[in-house]
PDB file of all heavy atoms in Angstrom:
ATOM      1  N   TYR A   1      43.833  21.806  19.566  1.00  0.00           N
ATOM      2  CA  TYR A   1      43.759  20.693  20.522  1.00  0.00           C
ATOM      3  C   TYR A   1      45.051  19.871  20.504  1.00  0.00           C
ATOM      4  O   TYR A   1      45.542  19.428  21.554  1.00  0.00           O
ATOM      5  CB  TYR A   1      42.561  19.799  20.202  1.00  0.00           C
ATOM      6  CG  TYR A   1      41.223  20.455  20.474  1.00  0.00           C
ATOM      7  CD1 TYR A   1      40.418  20.875  19.424  1.00  0.00           C
ATOM      8  CD2 TYR A   1      40.778  20.658  21.778  1.00  0.00           C
ATOM      9  CE1 TYR A   1      39.193  21.490  19.665  1.00  0.00           C
ATOM     10  CE2 TYR A   1      39.556  21.262  22.026  1.00  0.00           C
ATOM     11  CZ  TYR A   1      38.769  21.679  20.963  1.00  0.00           C
ATOM     12  OH  TYR A   1      37.568  22.292  21.206  1.00  0.00           O
ATOM     13  N   GLN A   2      45.590  19.657  19.312  1.00  0.00           N
ATOM     14  CA  GLN A   2      46.819  18.883  19.196  1.00  0.00           C
ATOM     15  C   GLN A   2      47.999  19.624  19.823  1.00  0.00           C
ATOM     16  O   GLN A   2      48.852  19.021  20.475  1.00  0.00           O
ATOM     17  CB  GLN A   2      47.096  18.596  17.721  1.00  0.00           C
ATOM     18  CG  GLN A   2      46.063  17.687  17.077  1.00  0.00           C
ATOM     19  CD  GLN A   2      46.109  17.721  15.560  1.00  0.00           C
ATOM     20  OE1 GLN A   2      46.762  18.572  14.973  1.00  0.00           O
ATOM     21  NE2 GLN A   2      45.403  16.805  14.924  1.00  0.00           N
ATOM     22  N   VAL A   3      48.033  20.948  19.648  1.00  0.00           N
ATOM     23  CA  VAL A   3      49.091  21.760  20.249  1.00  0.00           C
ATOM     24  C   VAL A   3      49.063  21.635  21.761  1.00  0.00           C
ATOM     25  O   VAL A   3      50.092  21.453  22.414  1.00  0.00           O
ATOM     26  CB  VAL A   3      48.965  23.229  19.817  1.00  0.00           C
ATOM     27  CG1 VAL A   3      49.834  24.135  20.691  1.00  0.00           C
ATOM     28  CG2 VAL A   3      49.350  23.389  18.357  1.00  0.00           C
ATOM     29  N   ILE A   4      47.867  21.727  22.342  1.00  0.00           N
ATOM     30  CA  ILE A   4      47.728  21.638  23.799  1.00  0.00           C
ATOM     31  C   ILE A   4      48.206  20.277  24.293  1.00  0.00           C
ATOM     32  O   ILE A   4      48.913  20.174  25.302  1.00  0.00           O
ATOM     33  CB  ILE A   4      46.265  21.894  24.212  1.00  0.00           C
ATOM     34  CG1 ILE A   4      45.908  23.365  23.948  1.00  0.00           C
ATOM     35  CG2 ILE A   4      46.039  21.545  25.676  1.00  0.00           C
ATOM     36  CD1 ILE A   4      44.427  23.666  24.092  1.00  0.00           C
ATOM     37  N   ALA A   5      47.841  19.205  23.578  1.00  0.00           N
ATOM     38  CA  ALA A   5      48.231  17.854  23.999  1.00  0.00           C
ATOM     39  C   ALA A   5      49.746  17.678  23.952  1.00  0.00           C
ATOM     40  O   ALA A   5      50.354  17.145  24.903  1.00  0.00           O
ATOM     41  CB  ALA A   5      47.543  16.822  23.104  1.00  0.00           C
ATOM     42  N   VAL A   6      50.384  18.128  22.874  1.00  0.00           N
ATOM     43  CA  VAL A   6      51.838  17.999  22.764  1.00  0.00           C
ATOM     44  C   VAL A   6      52.531  18.872  23.794  1.00  0.00           C
ATOM     45  O   VAL A   6      53.526  18.474  24.405  1.00  0.00           O
ATOM     46  CB  VAL A   6      52.299  18.352  21.331  1.00  0.00           C
ATOM     47  CG1 VAL A   6      53.820  18.413  21.247  1.00  0.00           C
ATOM     48  CG2 VAL A   6      51.765  17.332  20.332  1.00  0.00           C
ATOM     49  N   ARG A   7      51.996  20.074  24.013  1.00  0.00           N
ATOM     50  CA  ARG A   7      52.568  20.985  25.008  1.00  0.00           C
ATOM     51  C   ARG A   7      52.546  20.362  26.401  1.00  0.00           C
ATOM     52  O   ARG A   7      53.549  20.400  27.133  1.00  0.00           O
ATOM     53  CB  ARG A   7      51.772  22.284  24.999  1.00  0.00           C
ATOM     54  CG  ARG A   7      52.328  23.375  25.894  1.00  0.00           C
ATOM     55  CD  ARG A   7      51.301  24.487  26.046  1.00  0.00           C
ATOM     56  NE  ARG A   7      50.916  25.037  24.764  1.00  0.00           N
ATOM     57  CZ  ARG A   7      49.754  25.665  24.560  1.00  0.00           C
ATOM     58  NH1 ARG A   7      48.873  25.785  25.520  1.00  0.00           N
ATOM     59  NH2 ARG A   7      49.475  26.180  23.377  1.00  0.00           N
ATOM     60  N   GLU A   8      51.416  19.755  26.777  1.00  0.00           N
ATOM     61  CA  GLU A   8      51.310  19.136  28.099  1.00  0.00           C
ATOM     62  C   GLU A   8      52.243  17.934  28.216  1.00  0.00           C
ATOM     63  O   GLU A   8      52.842  17.697  29.268  1.00  0.00           O
ATOM     64  CB  GLU A   8      49.861  18.725  28.356  1.00  0.00           C
ATOM     65  CG  GLU A   8      48.923  19.915  28.552  1.00  0.00           C
ATOM     66  CD  GLU A   8      47.482  19.490  28.741  1.00  0.00           C
ATOM     67  OE1 GLU A   8      47.182  18.287  28.518  1.00  0.00           O
ATOM     68  OE2 GLU A   8      46.657  20.345  29.099  1.00  0.00           O
ATOM     69  N   LEU A   9      52.399  17.188  27.123  1.00  0.00           N
ATOM     70  CA  LEU A   9      53.296  16.045  27.132  1.00  0.00           C
ATOM     71  C   LEU A   9      54.739  16.497  27.391  1.00  0.00           C
ATOM     72  O   LEU A   9      55.436  15.931  28.235  1.00  0.00           O
ATOM     73  CB  LEU A   9      53.217  15.306  25.802  1.00  0.00           C
ATOM     74  CG  LEU A   9      54.217  14.170  25.619  1.00  0.00           C
ATOM     75  CD1 LEU A   9      53.905  13.019  26.548  1.00  0.00           C
ATOM     76  CD2 LEU A   9      54.243  13.711  24.165  1.00  0.00           C
ATOM     77  N   ILE A  10      55.179  17.531  26.682  1.00  0.00           N
ATOM     78  CA  ILE A  10      56.548  18.018  26.843  1.00  0.00           C
ATOM     79  C   ILE A  10      56.771  18.521  28.254  1.00  0.00           C
ATOM     80  O   ILE A  10      57.806  18.232  28.886  1.00  0.00           O
ATOM     81  CB  ILE A  10      56.848  19.112  25.803  1.00  0.00           C
ATOM     82  CG1 ILE A  10      56.837  18.522  24.393  1.00  0.00           C
ATOM     83  CG2 ILE A  10      58.202  19.770  26.090  1.00  0.00           C
ATOM     84  CD1 ILE A  10      56.906  19.551  23.287  1.00  0.00           C
ATOM     85  N   ARG A  11      55.806  19.253  28.791  1.00  0.00           N
ATOM     86  CA  ARG A  11      55.955  19.769  30.160  1.00  0.00           C
ATOM     87  C   ARG A  11      56.030  18.637  31.167  1.00  0.00           C
ATOM     88  O   ARG A  11      56.674  18.762  32.210  1.00  0.00           O
ATOM     89  CB  ARG A  11      54.798  20.707  30.499  1.00  0.00           C
ATOM     90  CG  ARG A  11      54.914  22.091  29.868  1.00  0.00           C
ATOM     91  CD  ARG A  11      54.054  23.099  30.607  1.00  0.00           C
ATOM     92  NE  ARG A  11      52.653  22.744  30.546  1.00  0.00           N
ATOM     93  CZ  ARG A  11      51.716  23.456  29.908  1.00  0.00           C
ATOM     94  NH1 ARG A  11      52.046  24.551  29.264  1.00  0.00           N
ATOM     95  NH2 ARG A  11      50.462  23.082  29.920  1.00  0.00           N
ATOM     96  N   SER A  12      55.386  17.508  30.874  1.00  0.00           N
ATOM     97  CA  SER A  12      55.388  16.391  31.818  1.00  0.00           C
ATOM     98  C   SER A  12      56.766  15.752  31.954  1.00  0.00           C
ATOM     99  O   SER A  12      57.028  15.029  32.913  1.00  0.00           O
ATOM    100  CB  SER A  12      54.367  15.333  31.385  1.00  0.00           C
ATOM    101  OG  SER A  12      54.831  14.602  30.246  1.00  0.00           O
ATOM    102  N   PHE A  13      57.646  16.007  31.015  1.00  0.00           N
ATOM    103  CA  PHE A  13      58.991  15.425  31.073  1.00  0.00           C
ATOM    104  C   PHE A  13      59.920  16.182  32.014  1.00  0.00           C
ATOM    105  O   PHE A  13      61.011  15.692  32.329  1.00  0.00           O
ATOM    106  CB  PHE A  13      59.624  15.409  29.678  1.00  0.00           C
ATOM    107  CG  PHE A  13      58.953  14.485  28.705  1.00  0.00           C
ATOM    108  CD1 PHE A  13      58.673  14.893  27.418  1.00  0.00           C
ATOM    109  CD2 PHE A  13      58.589  13.204  29.078  1.00  0.00           C
ATOM    110  CE1 PHE A  13      58.061  14.050  26.512  1.00  0.00           C
ATOM    111  CE2 PHE A  13      57.976  12.345  28.185  1.00  0.00           C
ATOM    112  CZ  PHE A  13      57.710  12.773  26.890  1.00  0.00           C
ATOM    113  N   ALA A  14      59.531  17.383  32.427  1.00  0.00           N
ATOM    114  CA  ALA A  14      60.406  18.211  33.270  1.00  0.00           C
ATOM    115  C   ALA A  14      60.819  17.449  34.525  1.00  0.00           C
ATOM    116  O   ALA A  14      59.994  16.861  35.221  1.00  0.00           O
ATOM    117  CB  ALA A  14      59.699  19.510  33.660  1.00  0.00           C
ATOM    118  N   GLY A  15      62.106  17.446  34.796  1.00  0.00           N
ATOM    119  CA  GLY A  15      62.636  16.784  35.977  1.00  0.00           C
ATOM    120  C   GLY A  15      63.011  15.333  35.755  1.00  0.00           C
ATOM    121  O   GLY A  15      63.843  14.787  36.485  1.00  0.00           O
ATOM    122  N   THR A  16      62.417  14.690  34.755  1.00  0.00           N
ATOM    123  CA  THR A  16      62.713  13.279  34.488  1.00  0.00           C
ATOM    124  C   THR A  16      63.543  13.095  33.229  1.00  0.00           C
ATOM    125  O   THR A  16      64.299  12.133  33.118  1.00  0.00           O
ATOM    126  CB  THR A  16      61.420  12.458  34.360  1.00  0.00           C
ATOM    127  OG1 THR A  16      60.633  12.971  33.270  1.00  0.00           O
ATOM    128  CG2 THR A  16      60.611  12.519  35.646  1.00  0.00           C
ATOM    129  N   ARG A  17      63.377  13.993  32.279  1.00  0.00           N
ATOM    130  CA  ARG A  17      64.173  13.974  31.057  1.00  0.00           C
ATOM    131  C   ARG A  17      64.647  15.388  30.740  1.00  0.00           C
ATOM    132  O   ARG A  17      63.992  16.363  31.085  1.00  0.00           O
ATOM    133  CB  ARG A  17      63.354  13.453  29.862  1.00  0.00           C
ATOM    134  CG  ARG A  17      63.195  11.948  29.821  1.00  0.00           C
ATOM    135  CD  ARG A  17      62.504  11.542  28.523  1.00  0.00           C
ATOM    136  NE  ARG A  17      62.486  10.088  28.365  1.00  0.00           N
ATOM    137  CZ  ARG A  17      61.543   9.286  28.850  1.00  0.00           C
ATOM    138  NH1 ARG A  17      60.543   9.821  29.522  1.00  0.00           N
ATOM    139  NH2 ARG A  17      61.601   7.985  28.674  1.00  0.00           N
ATOM    140  N   THR A  18      65.774  15.458  30.063  1.00  0.00           N
ATOM    141  CA  THR A  18      66.247  16.740  29.543  1.00  0.00           C
ATOM    142  C   THR A  18      65.615  16.933  28.171  1.00  0.00           C
ATOM    143  O   THR A  18      65.672  16.037  27.325  1.00  0.00           O
ATOM    144  CB  THR A  18      67.779  16.737  29.417  1.00  0.00           C
ATOM    145  OG1 THR A  18      68.351  16.436  30.688  1.00  0.00           O
ATOM    146  CG2 THR A  18      68.281  18.077  28.927  1.00  0.00           C
ATOM    147  N   VAL A  19      64.994  18.094  27.960  1.00  0.00           N
ATOM    148  CA  VAL A  19      64.300  18.349  26.701  1.00  0.00           C
ATOM    149  C   VAL A  19      64.797  19.664  26.107  1.00  0.00           C
ATOM    150  O   VAL A  19      64.816  20.693  26.789  1.00  0.00           O
ATOM    151  CB  VAL A  19      62.774  18.415  26.897  1.00  0.00           C
ATOM    152  CG1 VAL A  19      62.073  18.579  25.548  1.00  0.00           C
ATOM    153  CG2 VAL A  19      62.259  17.165  27.609  1.00  0.00           C
ATOM    154  N   LEU A  20      65.171  19.617  24.837  1.00  0.00           N
ATOM    155  CA  LEU A  20      65.504  20.824  24.082  1.00  0.00           C
ATOM    156  C   LEU A  20      64.498  20.938  22.948  1.00  0.00           C
ATOM    157  O   LEU A  20      64.401  20.043  22.103  1.00  0.00           O
ATOM    158  CB  LEU A  20      66.928  20.748  23.525  1.00  0.00           C
ATOM    159  CG  LEU A  20      67.375  21.961  22.689  1.00  0.00           C
ATOM    160  CD1 LEU A  20      67.444  23.220  23.552  1.00  0.00           C
ATOM    161  CD2 LEU A  20      68.721  21.700  22.030  1.00  0.00           C
ATOM    162  N   VAL A  21      63.731  22.021  22.944  1.00  0.00           N
ATOM    163  CA  VAL A  21      62.685  22.241  21.941  1.00  0.00           C
ATOM    164  C   VAL A  21      63.060  23.445  21.096  1.00  0.00           C
ATOM    165  O   VAL A  21      63.208  24.553  21.627  1.00  0.00           O
ATOM    166  CB  VAL A  21      61.314  22.483  22.600  1.00  0.00           C
ATOM    167  CG1 VAL A  21      60.228  22.594  21.537  1.00  0.00           C
ATOM    168  CG2 VAL A  21      60.973  21.383  23.590  1.00  0.00           C
ATOM    169  N   ALA A  22      63.208  23.247  19.800  1.00  0.00           N
ATOM    170  CA  ALA A  22      63.497  24.351  18.885  1.00  0.00           C
ATOM    171  C   ALA A  22      62.208  24.784  18.202  1.00  0.00           C
ATOM    172  O   ALA A  22      61.430  23.944  17.740  1.00  0.00           O
ATOM    173  CB  ALA A  22      64.530  23.920  17.840  1.00  0.00           C
ATOM    174  N   SER A  23      61.982  26.092  18.153  1.00  0.00           N
ATOM    175  CA  SER A  23      60.754  26.597  17.528  1.00  0.00           C
ATOM    176  C   SER A  23      60.913  28.056  17.131  1.00  0.00           C
ATOM    177  O   SER A  23      61.703  28.789  17.723  1.00  0.00           O
ATOM    178  CB  SER A  23      59.568  26.454  18.490  1.00  0.00           C
ATOM    179  OG  SER A  23      58.383  26.969  17.905  1.00  0.00           O
ATOM    180  N   HIS A  24      60.130  28.465  16.121  1.00  0.00           N
ATOM    181  CA  HIS A  24      60.076  29.880  15.757  1.00  0.00           C
ATOM    182  C   HIS A  24      58.845  30.548  16.357  1.00  0.00           C
ATOM    183  O   HIS A  24      58.645  31.745  16.183  1.00  0.00           O
ATOM    184  CB  HIS A  24      60.047  30.039  14.235  1.00  0.00           C
ATOM    185  CG  HIS A  24      58.769  29.570  13.601  1.00  0.00           C
ATOM    186  ND1 HIS A  24      58.472  28.234  13.413  1.00  0.00           N
ATOM    187  CD2 HIS A  24      57.691  30.250  13.136  1.00  0.00           C
ATOM    188  CE1 HIS A  24      57.289  28.122  12.834  1.00  0.00           C
ATOM    189  NE2 HIS A  24      56.787  29.328  12.660  1.00  0.00           N
ATOM    190  N   VAL A  25      58.011  29.777  17.089  1.00  0.00           N
ATOM    191  CA  VAL A  25      56.763  30.297  17.651  1.00  0.00           C
ATOM    192  C   VAL A  25      56.991  30.708  19.105  1.00  0.00           C
ATOM    193  O   VAL A  25      57.096  29.854  19.998  1.00  0.00           O
ATOM    194  CB  VAL A  25      55.628  29.253  17.553  1.00  0.00           C
ATOM    195  CG1 VAL A  25      54.324  29.856  18.075  1.00  0.00           C
ATOM    196  CG2 VAL A  25      55.469  28.771  16.121  1.00  0.00           C
ATOM    197  N   LEU A  26      57.054  32.003  19.340  1.00  0.00           N
ATOM    198  CA  LEU A  26      57.394  32.520  20.668  1.00  0.00           C
ATOM    199  C   LEU A  26      56.395  32.071  21.731  1.00  0.00           C
ATOM    200  O   LEU A  26      56.792  31.665  22.830  1.00  0.00           O
ATOM    201  CB  LEU A  26      57.469  34.049  20.605  1.00  0.00           C
ATOM    202  CG  LEU A  26      57.938  34.782  21.854  1.00  0.00           C
ATOM    203  CD1 LEU A  26      58.673  36.059  21.454  1.00  0.00           C
ATOM    204  CD2 LEU A  26      56.783  35.148  22.775  1.00  0.00           C
ATOM    205  N   THR A  27      55.097  32.142  21.432  1.00  0.00           N
ATOM    206  CA  THR A  27      54.096  31.801  22.449  1.00  0.00           C
ATOM    207  C   THR A  27      54.186  30.345  22.882  1.00  0.00           C
ATOM    208  O   THR A  27      53.954  30.032  24.051  1.00  0.00           O
ATOM    209  CB  THR A  27      52.677  32.099  21.923  1.00  0.00           C
ATOM    210  OG1 THR A  27      52.501  31.443  20.642  1.00  0.00           O
ATOM    211  CG2 THR A  27      52.478  33.590  21.730  1.00  0.00           C
ATOM    212  N   GLU A  28      54.540  29.451  21.948  1.00  0.00           N
ATOM    213  CA  GLU A  28      54.652  28.038  22.302  1.00  0.00           C
ATOM    214  C   GLU A  28      55.860  27.787  23.186  1.00  0.00           C
ATOM    215  O   GLU A  28      55.774  27.080  24.191  1.00  0.00           O
ATOM    216  CB  GLU A  28      54.734  27.179  21.033  1.00  0.00           C
ATOM    217  CG  GLU A  28      53.413  26.999  20.349  1.00  0.00           C
ATOM    218  CD  GLU A  28      52.345  26.485  21.301  1.00  0.00           C
ATOM    219  OE1 GLU A  28      52.565  25.466  21.984  1.00  0.00           O
ATOM    220  OE2 GLU A  28      51.284  27.121  21.395  1.00  0.00           O
ATOM    221  N   ILE A  29      56.997  28.366  22.824  1.00  0.00           N
ATOM    222  CA  ILE A  29      58.203  28.206  23.631  1.00  0.00           C
ATOM    223  C   ILE A  29      57.972  28.757  25.030  1.00  0.00           C
ATOM    224  O   ILE A  29      58.387  28.163  26.029  1.00  0.00           O
ATOM    225  CB  ILE A  29      59.384  28.922  22.953  1.00  0.00           C
ATOM    226  CG1 ILE A  29      59.844  28.137  21.725  1.00  0.00           C
ATOM    227  CG2 ILE A  29      60.540  29.111  23.922  1.00  0.00           C
ATOM    228  CD1 ILE A  29      60.517  26.819  22.044  1.00  0.00           C
ATOM    229  N   GLU A  30      57.308  29.886  25.114  1.00  0.00           N
ATOM    230  CA  GLU A  30      57.060  30.523  26.411  1.00  0.00           C
ATOM    231  C   GLU A  30      56.230  29.627  27.317  1.00  0.00           C
ATOM    232  O   GLU A  30      56.426  29.593  28.539  1.00  0.00           O
ATOM    233  CB  GLU A  30      56.356  31.862  26.198  1.00  0.00           C
ATOM    234  CG  GLU A  30      56.267  32.736  27.420  1.00  0.00           C
ATOM    235  CD  GLU A  30      55.757  34.120  27.100  1.00  0.00           C
ATOM    236  OE1 GLU A  30      55.067  34.290  26.076  1.00  0.00           O
ATOM    237  OE2 GLU A  30      56.045  35.044  27.881  1.00  0.00           O
ATOM    238  N   LYS A  31      55.290  28.860  26.738  1.00  0.00           N
ATOM    239  CA  LYS A  31      54.413  28.006  27.532  1.00  0.00           C
ATOM    240  C   LYS A  31      55.034  26.650  27.861  1.00  0.00           C
ATOM    241  O   LYS A  31      54.591  25.988  28.798  1.00  0.00           O
ATOM    242  CB  LYS A  31      53.096  27.796  26.782  1.00  0.00           C
ATOM    243  CG  LYS A  31      52.255  29.061  26.702  1.00  0.00           C
ATOM    244  CD  LYS A  31      51.036  28.868  25.821  1.00  0.00           C
ATOM    245  CE  LYS A  31      50.234  30.149  25.712  1.00  0.00           C
ATOM    246  NZ  LYS A  31      49.094  30.016  24.765  1.00  0.00           N
ATOM    247  N   ILE A  32      56.025  26.246  27.108  1.00  0.00           N
ATOM    248  CA  ILE A  32      56.622  24.923  27.290  1.00  0.00           C
ATOM    249  C   ILE A  32      57.868  24.961  28.162  1.00  0.00           C
ATOM    250  O   ILE A  32      58.046  24.132  29.060  1.00  0.00           O
ATOM    251  CB  ILE A  32      56.969  24.298  25.919  1.00  0.00           C
ATOM    252  CG1 ILE A  32      55.700  23.921  25.157  1.00  0.00           C
ATOM    253  CG2 ILE A  32      57.851  23.067  26.092  1.00  0.00           C
ATOM    254  CD1 ILE A  32      55.952  23.491  23.723  1.00  0.00           C
ATOM    255  N   ALA A  33      58.750  25.920  27.894  1.00  0.00           N
ATOM    256  CA  ALA A  33      60.110  25.866  28.426  1.00  0.00           C
ATOM    257  C   ALA A  33      60.251  26.579  29.770  1.00  0.00           C
ATOM    258  O   ALA A  33      59.576  27.571  30.041  1.00  0.00           O
ATOM    259  CB  ALA A  33      61.080  26.479  27.420  1.00  0.00           C
ATOM    260  N   THR A  34      61.154  26.059  30.587  1.00  0.00           N
ATOM    261  CA  THR A  34      61.514  26.731  31.835  1.00  0.00           C
ATOM    262  C   THR A  34      62.640  27.736  31.610  1.00  0.00           C
ATOM    263  O   THR A  34      62.884  28.599  32.442  1.00  0.00           O
ATOM    264  CB  THR A  34      61.965  25.708  32.889  1.00  0.00           C
ATOM    265  OG1 THR A  34      63.032  24.906  32.340  1.00  0.00           O
ATOM    266  CG2 THR A  34      60.812  24.785  33.267  1.00  0.00           C
TER     267      THR A  34
END
């Protein structure tokens, strides 16, 4: 549940803030990043 909440928060920044997310988890990066 916490992962989903943080993921949605990061996606909400698209277009308004520049976000660089570093991770070793491929599935999370795939769902977050453009």
